[in-house]
Amino acid sequence: MTEPTSLEQAPDHIKLAVDLIDILEQANLSKETVLKALEIVKNDFEQHQQ
């Protein structure tokens, strides 16, 4: 199996992860703030998908 040569060919979850990382890095927030926010987002998203 060959790896994608660019982000355009990457799976959607990789594209989303890269976009989210870019947003979080631009926000210049502390590591603790980002991790707490991501935990809330994950829990909320999982609850709404049930």
N, C-alpha and C. Protein backbone atom coordinates (compact mmCIF):
# COMPACT_ATOMS: atom_id res chain seq x y z
N MET A 1 0.84 -1.19 0.00
CA MET A 1 0.00 0.00 0.00
C MET A 1 0.89 1.24 0.00
N THR A 2 0.61 2.18 -0.87
CA THR A 2 1.41 3.39 -0.95
C THR A 2 0.76 4.50 -0.13
N GLU A 3 1.60 5.39 0.40
CA GLU A 3 1.10 6.51 1.19
C GLU A 3 0.75 7.67 0.26
N PRO A 4 -0.25 8.48 0.67
CA PRO A 4 -0.59 9.66 -0.15
C PRO A 4 0.61 10.58 -0.28
N THR A 5 0.74 11.22 -1.44
CA THR A 5 1.88 12.09 -1.66
C THR A 5 1.57 13.53 -1.27
N SER A 6 0.30 13.83 -1.02
CA SER A 6 -0.06 15.17 -0.59
C SER A 6 -1.28 15.11 0.31
N LEU A 7 -1.52 16.20 0.99
CA LEU A 7 -2.66 16.27 1.89
C LEU A 7 -3.97 16.12 1.13
N GLU A 8 -4.01 16.58 -0.09
CA GLU A 8 -5.24 16.46 -0.89
C GLU A 8 -5.67 15.01 -1.07
N GLN A 9 -4.71 14.10 -1.08
CA GLN A 9 -5.01 12.69 -1.28
C GLN A 9 -5.19 11.95 0.05
N ALA A 10 -4.99 12.64 1.15
CA ALA A 10 -5.09 12.01 2.47
C ALA A 10 -6.54 11.73 2.82
N PRO A 11 -6.77 10.78 3.72
CA PRO A 11 -8.14 10.51 4.18
C PRO A 11 -8.72 11.74 4.89
N ASP A 12 -10.04 11.82 4.93
CA ASP A 12 -10.71 12.98 5.52
C ASP A 12 -10.30 13.22 6.97
N HIS A 13 -10.11 12.14 7.75
CA HIS A 13 -9.76 12.36 9.16
C HIS A 13 -8.38 12.99 9.31
N ILE A 14 -7.49 12.73 8.38
CA ILE A 14 -6.16 13.36 8.41
C ILE A 14 -6.29 14.83 8.04
N LYS A 15 -7.05 15.12 7.00
CA LYS A 15 -7.27 16.52 6.59
C LYS A 15 -7.87 17.32 7.73
N LEU A 16 -8.87 16.76 8.40
CA LEU A 16 -9.51 17.45 9.52
C LEU A 16 -8.52 17.67 10.66
N ALA A 17 -7.74 16.66 10.97
CA ALA A 17 -6.74 16.79 12.04
C ALA A 17 -5.75 17.90 11.73
N VAL A 18 -5.29 17.96 10.51
CA VAL A 18 -4.32 19.01 10.11
C VAL A 18 -4.97 20.39 10.24
N ASP A 19 -6.21 20.51 9.80
CA ASP A 19 -6.92 21.80 9.91
C ASP A 19 -7.08 22.21 11.38
N LEU A 20 -7.47 21.26 12.22
CA LEU A 20 -7.65 21.56 13.64
C LEU A 20 -6.33 21.95 14.30
N ILE A 21 -5.27 21.25 13.96
CA ILE A 21 -3.95 21.59 14.50
C ILE A 21 -3.56 23.00 14.10
N ASP A 22 -3.78 23.36 12.84
CA ASP A 22 -3.47 24.72 12.37
C ASP A 22 -4.24 25.77 13.16
N ILE A 23 -5.54 25.52 13.36
CA ILE A 23 -6.38 26.46 14.11
C ILE A 23 -5.87 26.61 15.53
N LEU A 24 -5.58 25.49 16.18
CA LEU A 24 -5.13 25.53 17.57
C LEU A 24 -3.77 26.21 17.70
N GLU A 25 -2.88 25.96 16.77
CA GLU A 25 -1.57 26.62 16.83
C GLU A 25 -1.69 28.13 16.63
N GLN A 26 -2.60 28.56 15.77
CA GLN A 26 -2.78 29.99 15.52
C GLN A 26 -3.41 30.70 16.72
N ALA A 27 -4.14 29.96 17.55
CA ALA A 27 -4.81 30.56 18.70
C ALA A 27 -3.85 30.92 19.84
N ASN A 28 -2.64 30.36 19.79
CA ASN A 28 -1.62 30.64 20.82
C ASN A 28 -2.15 30.42 22.24
N LEU A 29 -2.79 29.31 22.47
CA LEU A 29 -3.31 28.96 23.79
C LEU A 29 -2.38 27.98 24.48
N SER A 30 -2.51 27.89 25.79
CA SER A 30 -1.66 26.95 26.52
C SER A 30 -2.04 25.51 26.18
N LYS A 31 -1.10 24.63 26.38
CA LYS A 31 -1.33 23.20 26.14
C LYS A 31 -2.51 22.71 26.97
N GLU A 32 -2.57 23.12 28.22
CA GLU A 32 -3.65 22.68 29.11
C GLU A 32 -5.01 23.14 28.60
N THR A 33 -5.10 24.37 28.14
CA THR A 33 -6.36 24.91 27.63
C THR A 33 -6.82 24.13 26.40
N VAL A 34 -5.90 23.87 25.49
CA VAL A 34 -6.23 23.14 24.27
C VAL A 34 -6.70 21.72 24.60
N LEU A 35 -5.97 21.03 25.46
CA LEU A 35 -6.34 19.66 25.79
C LEU A 35 -7.69 19.58 26.50
N LYS A 36 -7.97 20.53 27.39
CA LYS A 36 -9.28 20.56 28.06
C LYS A 36 -10.40 20.82 27.05
N ALA A 37 -10.16 21.74 26.14
CA ALA A 37 -11.17 22.05 25.13
C ALA A 37 -11.41 20.86 24.22
N LEU A 38 -10.35 20.17 23.82
CA LEU A 38 -10.50 18.99 22.96
C LEU A 38 -11.26 17.89 23.66
N GLU A 39 -11.05 17.74 24.96
CA GLU A 39 -11.79 16.73 25.71
C GLU A 39 -13.28 17.04 25.73
N ILE A 40 -13.62 18.32 25.91
CA ILE A 40 -15.02 18.73 25.89
C ILE A 40 -15.63 18.48 24.52
N VAL A 41 -14.92 18.85 23.48
CA VAL A 41 -15.42 18.66 22.12
C VAL A 41 -15.64 17.18 21.83
N LYS A 42 -14.68 16.35 22.19
CA LYS A 42 -14.80 14.90 21.95
C LYS A 42 -16.01 14.33 22.68
N ASN A 43 -16.15 14.66 23.97
CA ASN A 43 -17.27 14.14 24.74
C ASN A 43 -18.60 14.63 24.18
N ASP A 44 -18.68 15.88 23.83
CA ASP A 44 -19.92 16.44 23.28
C ASP A 44 -20.26 15.79 21.95
N PHE A 45 -19.27 15.63 21.09
CA PHE A 45 -19.52 15.03 19.78
C PHE A 45 -19.99 13.59 19.93
N GLU A 46 -19.35 12.86 20.83
CA GLU A 46 -19.76 11.45 21.04
C GLU A 46 -21.18 11.37 21.57
N GLN A 47 -21.57 12.26 22.47
CA GLN A 47 -22.93 12.26 23.02
C GLN A 47 -23.96 12.56 21.94
N HIS A 48 -23.66 13.47 21.05
CA HIS A 48 -24.61 13.85 20.00
C HIS A 48 -24.70 12.83 18.88
N GLN A 49 -23.75 11.91 18.81
CA GLN A 49 -23.76 10.88 17.77
C GLN A 49 -24.48 9.61 18.20
N GLN A 50 -24.93 9.54 19.45
CA GLN A 50 -25.60 8.35 19.95
C GLN A 50 -27.07 8.37 19.62
